[in-house]
N, C-alpha and C. Protein backbone atom coordinates (compact mmCIF):
# COMPACT_ATOMS: atom_id res chain seq x y z
N MET A 1 29.77 -16.69 -2.53
CA MET A 1 28.43 -16.85 -1.47
C MET A 1 27.25 -16.59 -2.27
N ARG A 2 26.36 -17.08 -2.02
CA ARG A 2 25.56 -17.00 -3.30
C ARG A 2 24.51 -15.55 -2.79
N GLU A 3 23.59 -15.02 -3.77
CA GLU A 3 22.95 -13.37 -3.27
C GLU A 3 21.60 -13.42 -3.64
N CYS A 4 21.00 -12.65 -2.78
CA CYS A 4 19.69 -12.66 -3.02
C CYS A 4 18.68 -11.05 -3.16
N ILE A 5 18.49 -11.16 -4.32
CA ILE A 5 17.82 -9.50 -4.78
C ILE A 5 15.79 -9.69 -4.07
N SER A 6 16.34 -8.84 -3.37
CA SER A 6 14.50 -8.72 -2.86
C SER A 6 13.74 -7.34 -3.99
N VAL A 7 11.94 -7.87 -3.38
CA VAL A 7 11.10 -6.98 -4.99
C VAL A 7 10.30 -6.86 -3.82
N HIS A 8 10.26 -5.75 -3.26
CA HIS A 8 8.84 -5.19 -2.15
C HIS A 8 7.89 -4.01 -3.20
N VAL A 9 6.61 -5.28 -3.03
CA VAL A 9 6.07 -4.52 -4.07
C VAL A 9 4.56 -3.30 -2.96
N GLY A 10 4.23 -2.66 -3.06
CA GLY A 10 2.73 -1.89 -2.25
C GLY A 10 3.45 -1.65 -0.97
N GLN A 11 2.10 -1.39 -0.39
CA GLN A 11 2.02 -0.83 0.77
C GLN A 11 2.65 -1.75 1.84
N ALA A 12 2.08 -2.35 1.70
CA ALA A 12 2.28 -3.37 2.89
C ALA A 12 3.74 -3.95 2.26
N GLY A 13 3.99 -4.70 1.39
CA GLY A 13 5.65 -4.78 0.93
C GLY A 13 6.02 -4.25 1.12
N VAL A 14 6.04 -2.85 1.19
CA VAL A 14 7.45 -1.47 1.34
C VAL A 14 7.54 -1.72 2.75
N GLN A 15 6.35 -1.69 2.99
CA GLN A 15 6.32 -1.38 4.83
C GLN A 15 7.19 -2.92 5.60
N MET A 16 7.12 -3.78 5.05
CA MET A 16 7.32 -5.14 5.75
C MET A 16 9.28 -5.20 5.50
N GLY A 17 9.15 -4.77 3.76
CA GLY A 17 10.46 -4.68 3.75
C GLY A 17 11.51 -3.97 4.21
N ASN A 18 10.86 -2.74 4.37
CA ASN A 18 11.52 -1.51 5.45
C ASN A 18 12.50 -2.24 6.70
N ALA A 19 11.48 -2.82 7.09
CA ALA A 19 11.45 -3.09 8.77
C ALA A 19 12.41 -4.51 8.23
N CYS A 20 12.55 -5.25 7.62
CA CYS A 20 13.59 -7.06 7.74
C CYS A 20 14.94 -6.10 7.08
N TRP A 21 14.82 -4.93 6.19
CA TRP A 21 16.07 -4.10 6.08
C TRP A 21 16.32 -3.68 7.15
N GLU A 22 15.82 -3.33 8.80
CA GLU A 22 16.36 -2.66 9.45
C GLU A 22 16.68 -3.61 10.07
N LEU A 23 16.72 -5.19 9.93
CA LEU A 23 16.71 -5.77 10.85
C LEU A 23 17.57 -6.76 10.51
N TYR A 24 18.15 -6.90 9.34
CA TYR A 24 19.30 -7.20 8.23
C TYR A 24 20.71 -6.47 9.14
N CYS A 25 20.24 -4.91 9.15
CA CYS A 25 21.17 -4.35 9.14
C CYS A 25 21.70 -4.75 11.00
N LEU A 26 20.59 -4.45 12.07
CA LEU A 26 20.99 -4.90 13.27
C LEU A 26 21.56 -5.85 13.73
N GLU A 27 21.64 -7.24 12.43
CA GLU A 27 22.21 -8.51 12.78
C GLU A 27 23.19 -8.45 12.42
N HIS A 28 23.62 -7.89 11.16
CA HIS A 28 24.77 -8.05 10.35
C HIS A 28 25.87 -6.49 10.91
N GLY A 29 25.51 -6.04 11.93
CA GLY A 29 26.39 -4.49 12.38
C GLY A 29 26.44 -3.31 11.15
N ILE A 30 25.74 -3.34 10.64
CA ILE A 30 25.65 -2.43 9.65
C ILE A 30 24.75 -1.23 9.75
N GLN A 31 25.82 0.09 10.07
CA GLN A 31 25.06 1.59 10.85
C GLN A 31 23.87 1.67 9.62
N PRO A 32 23.03 2.27 10.00
CA PRO A 32 21.90 3.32 8.80
C PRO A 32 22.18 3.86 7.58
N ASP A 33 23.51 4.44 7.92
CA ASP A 33 24.18 5.34 6.54
C ASP A 33 24.68 3.89 5.40
N GLY A 34 24.78 2.72 6.00
CA GLY A 34 25.37 1.49 5.11
C GLY A 34 26.83 1.22 5.39
N GLN A 35 27.57 2.40 6.88
CA GLN A 35 28.64 1.78 6.75
C GLN A 35 28.73 0.80 8.02
N MET A 36 30.19 -0.08 7.77
CA MET A 36 29.98 -0.87 9.32
C MET A 36 30.75 -0.57 9.42
N PRO A 37 30.76 -0.75 11.04
CA PRO A 37 32.08 -0.22 11.78
C PRO A 37 33.34 -0.79 11.79
N SER A 38 34.30 -0.22 11.74
CA SER A 38 35.46 -0.38 11.57
C SER A 38 35.96 -2.04 12.53
N ASP A 39 35.38 -1.71 13.84
CA ASP A 39 36.19 -3.24 14.29
C ASP A 39 34.96 -4.16 13.97
N LYS A 40 34.02 -4.49 13.46
CA LYS A 40 33.93 -5.07 12.38
C LYS A 40 34.14 -5.98 11.39
N THR A 41 35.00 -4.98 10.96
CA THR A 41 35.50 -4.98 9.50
C THR A 41 36.61 -6.08 9.77
N ILE A 42 38.00 -5.44 10.43
CA ILE A 42 39.13 -6.42 10.68
C ILE A 42 38.80 -8.04 11.31
N GLY A 43 39.78 -8.42 10.52
CA GLY A 43 39.35 -9.98 11.05
C GLY A 43 37.93 -10.65 12.04
N GLY A 44 37.15 -10.16 11.06
CA GLY A 44 36.06 -10.60 11.71
C GLY A 44 35.48 -11.74 11.30
N GLY A 45 35.82 -11.81 9.01
CA GLY A 45 35.30 -13.26 8.66
C GLY A 45 34.39 -13.26 8.48
N ASP A 46 32.77 -12.99 9.24
CA ASP A 46 31.92 -13.32 8.72
C ASP A 46 31.34 -12.53 7.36
N ASP A 47 31.50 -13.06 6.69
CA ASP A 47 30.72 -11.88 5.26
C ASP A 47 29.71 -12.42 4.96
N SER A 48 28.78 -13.81 5.67
CA SER A 48 27.12 -13.40 5.42
C SER A 48 26.45 -12.69 5.07
N PHE A 49 26.61 -11.19 4.95
CA PHE A 49 25.61 -10.19 5.06
C PHE A 49 26.31 -9.98 3.75
N THR A 50 27.00 -10.58 2.70
CA THR A 50 26.98 -10.27 1.24
C THR A 50 26.09 -11.22 0.66
N THR A 51 24.91 -12.22 1.59
CA THR A 51 23.82 -12.42 0.69
C THR A 51 23.41 -11.34 0.21
N PHE A 52 22.96 -10.83 1.04
CA PHE A 52 22.16 -9.67 1.38
C PHE A 52 22.31 -7.75 0.51
N PHE A 53 23.27 -7.80 0.56
CA PHE A 53 24.35 -6.35 0.57
C PHE A 53 25.26 -6.56 -0.73
N CYS A 54 25.45 -5.63 -1.05
CA CYS A 54 26.74 -5.24 -2.06
C CYS A 54 27.44 -3.99 -1.13
N GLU A 55 28.73 -4.37 -1.89
CA GLU A 55 29.44 -3.42 -1.45
C GLU A 55 29.86 -2.34 -2.48
N THR A 56 29.76 -1.44 -2.50
CA THR A 56 30.37 0.03 -2.85
C THR A 56 31.92 0.16 -3.00
N GLY A 57 32.42 0.92 -4.16
CA GLY A 57 33.58 1.21 -3.86
C GLY A 57 34.21 2.29 -2.48
N ALA A 58 32.70 3.02 -2.25
CA ALA A 58 33.35 4.18 -1.18
C ALA A 58 33.40 3.26 0.21
N GLY A 59 32.96 1.71 0.14
CA GLY A 59 33.01 0.83 1.59
C GLY A 59 31.65 1.07 1.84
N LYS A 60 30.54 1.61 1.18
CA LYS A 60 29.20 1.50 1.67
C LYS A 60 28.60 0.07 1.06
N HIS A 61 27.92 -0.34 2.25
CA HIS A 61 27.11 -1.55 1.96
C HIS A 61 25.39 -1.26 1.49
N VAL A 62 25.20 -1.31 0.67
CA VAL A 62 23.91 -1.47 -0.13
C VAL A 62 22.43 -2.61 -0.43
N PRO A 63 21.66 -2.45 0.07
CA PRO A 63 21.23 -3.94 0.00
C PRO A 63 20.86 -4.25 -1.61
N ARG A 64 20.56 -5.23 -1.71
CA ARG A 64 20.50 -5.74 -3.05
C ARG A 64 18.20 -5.68 -3.29
N ALA A 65 17.77 -4.61 -2.97
CA ALA A 65 16.50 -4.75 -2.86
C ALA A 65 16.04 -3.51 -3.46
N VAL A 66 14.35 -3.74 -4.50
CA VAL A 66 13.87 -2.87 -5.12
C VAL A 66 12.34 -2.91 -4.22
N PHE A 67 11.68 -1.18 -3.79
CA PHE A 67 11.11 -1.02 -3.42
C PHE A 67 9.69 -0.35 -4.65
N VAL A 68 8.78 -0.54 -4.81
CA VAL A 68 7.29 -0.51 -5.85
C VAL A 68 6.55 -0.16 -4.91
N ASP A 69 5.80 1.32 -4.97
CA ASP A 69 5.00 1.25 -5.05
C ASP A 69 3.81 2.87 -5.93
N LEU A 70 2.96 2.45 -6.18
CA LEU A 70 1.94 3.12 -7.44
C LEU A 70 2.03 4.32 -6.44
N GLU A 71 1.63 4.33 -4.97
CA GLU A 71 0.98 5.71 -4.41
C GLU A 71 3.02 6.31 -3.28
N PRO A 72 3.28 7.10 -3.96
CA PRO A 72 4.80 7.49 -3.31
C PRO A 72 4.65 7.45 -1.91
N THR A 73 3.91 7.89 -0.85
CA THR A 73 3.13 7.81 0.47
C THR A 73 4.55 7.12 1.11
N VAL A 74 4.66 5.96 1.23
CA VAL A 74 5.00 5.20 2.13
C VAL A 74 6.56 5.32 1.69
N ILE A 75 7.34 4.71 0.05
CA ILE A 75 8.57 4.92 0.13
C ILE A 75 9.21 6.44 0.17
N ASP A 76 8.12 7.74 0.90
CA ASP A 76 8.15 8.51 1.61
C ASP A 76 9.02 8.61 2.61
N GLU A 77 8.53 7.96 3.07
CA GLU A 77 9.19 7.27 4.44
C GLU A 77 10.01 6.85 4.56
N ILE A 78 10.52 6.12 3.76
CA ILE A 78 11.32 5.03 3.83
C ILE A 78 12.81 6.14 3.35
N ARG A 79 12.56 7.10 2.51
CA ARG A 79 13.40 8.48 1.85
C ARG A 79 13.67 9.71 3.29
N ASN A 80 12.67 9.70 4.07
CA ASN A 80 12.91 10.33 4.81
C ASN A 80 13.35 10.05 6.29
N GLY A 81 13.70 8.41 6.75
CA GLY A 81 13.83 7.62 7.73
C GLY A 81 14.54 7.60 8.29
N PRO A 82 15.37 6.66 9.03
CA PRO A 82 16.36 6.99 10.11
C PRO A 82 17.46 5.98 8.98
N TYR A 83 16.92 5.20 7.88
CA TYR A 83 17.23 4.48 7.29
C TYR A 83 17.60 4.78 5.65
N ARG A 84 17.30 6.33 5.72
CA ARG A 84 17.45 7.11 4.28
C ARG A 84 18.33 7.02 3.55
N GLN A 85 20.18 6.91 3.91
CA GLN A 85 21.35 7.11 3.17
C GLN A 85 21.42 5.07 2.90
N LEU A 86 20.90 4.24 3.81
CA LEU A 86 21.07 3.00 3.00
C LEU A 86 21.34 2.49 1.64
N PHE A 87 19.60 2.76 1.24
CA PHE A 87 19.45 2.60 0.21
C PHE A 87 19.36 3.70 -1.24
N HIS A 88 20.16 2.92 -2.40
CA HIS A 88 20.00 4.07 -3.56
C HIS A 88 18.78 4.67 -3.92
N PRO A 89 18.84 5.71 -4.21
CA PRO A 89 17.45 6.59 -4.64
C PRO A 89 17.07 4.94 -5.87
N GLU A 90 17.22 5.05 -6.74
CA GLU A 90 17.29 4.08 -7.81
C GLU A 90 16.68 2.87 -7.42
N GLN A 91 16.72 2.52 -6.41
CA GLN A 91 16.04 1.26 -5.55
C GLN A 91 14.58 2.36 -5.30
N LEU A 92 14.37 2.64 -4.62
CA LEU A 92 12.70 3.19 -4.44
C LEU A 92 11.85 4.00 -5.38
N ILE A 93 11.20 3.36 -5.94
CA ILE A 93 10.63 3.49 -7.33
C ILE A 93 9.13 4.01 -6.67
N THR A 94 8.42 5.34 -7.71
CA THR A 94 7.18 5.32 -6.86
C THR A 94 6.53 5.94 -8.39
N GLY A 95 5.67 5.77 -8.03
CA GLY A 95 4.72 6.71 -9.42
C GLY A 95 4.15 7.45 -8.68
N LYS A 96 2.69 8.58 -9.26
CA LYS A 96 2.44 9.70 -9.04
C LYS A 96 1.45 10.00 -8.40
N GLU A 97 0.43 8.39 -8.59
CA GLU A 97 -0.86 8.21 -7.24
C GLU A 97 -1.20 6.87 -7.38
N ASP A 98 -2.01 6.60 -6.53
CA ASP A 98 -2.03 5.36 -6.09
C ASP A 98 -3.57 5.08 -6.92
N ALA A 99 -3.53 3.09 -7.05
CA ALA A 99 -4.87 3.03 -7.45
C ALA A 99 -6.40 2.80 -7.17
N ALA A 100 -6.73 3.05 -5.98
CA ALA A 100 -7.44 3.54 -5.56
C ALA A 100 -8.20 2.38 -4.73
N ASN A 101 -7.12 1.06 -4.47
CA ASN A 101 -7.59 -0.03 -4.31
C ASN A 101 -8.60 -0.96 -5.57
N ASN A 102 -8.41 0.08 -6.62
CA ASN A 102 -8.86 -1.26 -7.82
C ASN A 102 -7.63 -1.76 -8.75
N TYR A 103 -8.20 -3.21 -8.58
CA TYR A 103 -6.78 -4.04 -9.39
C TYR A 103 -6.63 -3.61 -10.58
N ALA A 104 -8.20 -2.94 -11.81
CA ALA A 104 -8.08 -3.32 -12.77
C ALA A 104 -7.23 -1.56 -13.29
N ARG A 105 -8.04 -0.38 -12.17
CA ARG A 105 -6.82 0.00 -12.75
C ARG A 105 -5.11 0.41 -12.34
N GLY A 106 -5.05 -0.02 -11.29
CA GLY A 106 -3.49 -0.03 -11.04
C GLY A 106 -2.75 -1.10 -12.29
N HIS A 107 -3.42 -1.95 -12.80
CA HIS A 107 -2.88 -3.30 -13.94
C HIS A 107 -2.53 -2.42 -15.27
N TYR A 108 -4.01 -1.89 -15.69
CA TYR A 108 -4.03 -1.94 -16.93
C TYR A 108 -3.83 0.04 -17.18
N THR A 109 -3.75 0.69 -15.84
CA THR A 109 -3.24 2.18 -16.68
C THR A 109 -1.83 2.58 -15.74
N ILE A 110 -2.32 2.90 -14.50
CA ILE A 110 -1.18 3.46 -13.57
C ILE A 110 0.17 2.66 -13.84
N GLY A 111 -0.75 0.85 -13.28
CA GLY A 111 1.20 0.05 -13.68
C GLY A 111 1.78 0.48 -14.36
N LYS A 112 1.09 0.63 -15.75
CA LYS A 112 1.67 0.47 -16.97
C LYS A 112 2.62 1.53 -17.44
N GLU A 113 2.37 2.42 -16.62
CA GLU A 113 3.27 3.59 -16.47
C GLU A 113 4.54 3.42 -15.41
N ILE A 114 4.74 1.86 -14.58
CA ILE A 114 5.77 1.81 -13.63
C ILE A 114 6.51 1.17 -14.35
N ILE A 115 5.88 -0.22 -15.09
CA ILE A 115 6.56 -1.51 -14.85
C ILE A 115 8.13 -1.45 -15.68
N ASP A 116 7.85 -0.04 -16.64
CA ASP A 116 9.57 -0.51 -17.46
C ASP A 116 10.27 0.25 -16.23
N PRO A 117 10.39 1.76 -16.07
CA PRO A 117 11.27 1.70 -14.61
C PRO A 117 12.31 0.56 -13.72
N VAL A 118 10.61 -0.23 -13.68
CA VAL A 118 10.35 -1.13 -12.27
C VAL A 118 11.68 -2.18 -12.82
N LEU A 119 11.43 -3.05 -13.94
CA LEU A 119 11.68 -4.10 -14.82
C LEU A 119 13.20 -3.85 -15.13
N ASP A 120 13.80 -2.68 -15.73
CA ASP A 120 14.95 -2.00 -15.59
C ASP A 120 15.56 -2.06 -14.52
N ARG A 121 15.29 -2.10 -13.39
CA ARG A 121 15.85 -1.55 -12.10
C ARG A 121 16.22 -3.17 -12.00
N ILE A 122 15.54 -4.07 -11.98
CA ILE A 122 15.77 -5.09 -10.79
C ILE A 122 16.56 -5.70 -12.09
N ARG A 123 16.42 -5.45 -13.60
CA ARG A 123 17.40 -6.11 -14.76
C ARG A 123 19.04 -5.50 -14.20
N LYS A 124 18.93 -4.63 -13.84
CA LYS A 124 20.56 -3.94 -13.66
C LYS A 124 21.15 -4.79 -12.18
N LEU A 125 20.22 -5.56 -11.28
CA LEU A 125 21.34 -6.28 -10.33
C LEU A 125 21.30 -7.18 -10.58
N PRO A 126 21.18 -7.84 -11.01
CA PRO A 126 22.03 -9.28 -11.45
C PRO A 126 23.36 -9.30 -11.94
N PRO A 127 23.85 -8.58 -12.97
CA PRO A 127 25.26 -8.35 -12.83
C PRO A 127 26.20 -7.94 -11.81
N ARG A 128 25.80 -7.88 -10.57
CA ARG A 128 26.20 -7.52 -9.22
C ARG A 128 26.22 -8.69 -8.85
N CYS A 129 25.56 -9.54 -9.34
CA CYS A 129 25.80 -10.97 -8.40
C CYS A 129 25.56 -12.14 -9.18
N PRO A 130 27.14 -12.83 -8.97
CA PRO A 130 27.85 -13.72 -9.72
C PRO A 130 27.01 -14.84 -9.06
N GLN A 131 26.35 -15.12 -8.47
CA GLN A 131 25.79 -16.38 -7.84
C GLN A 131 24.34 -15.95 -7.11
N LEU A 132 23.50 -15.94 -8.29
CA LEU A 132 22.20 -15.28 -8.08
C LEU A 132 21.72 -16.48 -7.76
N TRP A 133 21.34 -16.83 -6.05
CA TRP A 133 20.62 -17.83 -5.63
C TRP A 133 18.91 -17.75 -5.56
N SER A 134 18.73 -16.70 -5.09
CA SER A 134 16.82 -16.36 -5.50
C SER A 134 16.68 -14.78 -5.53
N SER A 135 15.39 -14.16 -5.26
CA SER A 135 14.90 -12.94 -5.35
C SER A 135 13.44 -13.42 -4.58
N PRO A 136 13.59 -12.72 -3.50
CA PRO A 136 11.89 -12.91 -2.57
C PRO A 136 11.39 -12.12 -2.87
N THR A 137 10.08 -11.94 -3.22
CA THR A 137 9.31 -10.65 -3.66
C THR A 137 8.07 -10.38 -2.25
N THR A 138 7.71 -9.68 -1.21
CA THR A 138 6.92 -9.16 -0.72
C THR A 138 6.12 -8.29 -1.19
N PRO A 139 4.74 -9.09 -0.98
CA PRO A 139 3.78 -7.83 -2.46
C PRO A 139 2.18 -7.66 -1.00
N SER A 140 2.28 -6.68 -1.87
CA SER A 140 1.10 -5.97 -0.78
C SER A 140 0.07 -7.47 -0.14
């Protein structure tokens, strides 16, 4: 099965990504804590969810996604929302302040502080994907 890694950037990208992952969970029968009910796993035969989710050793299904925003408020909504147990904390990357709708400030100053952790996290995901197919990005 081929895998996808999603990258969601900025307020709009993070909000759309969060909504998408809620739908992926509903479509594939994955609970908000990342567990799949036992009646789904026994003899189900449908492993299409592995395109978007990877399974941990504890049987939890974690999205192959990274969420990034300079301002922490929107990602804090994910951290405190009903799907807070679905995402690994390292997948939710925030800065300390936003760019105040100023592209140059976000690109040249504040964004430079956050780019290394973001690239490092994205770099760590493909080794767990033997057949990486695509990497859709949801920008603001």
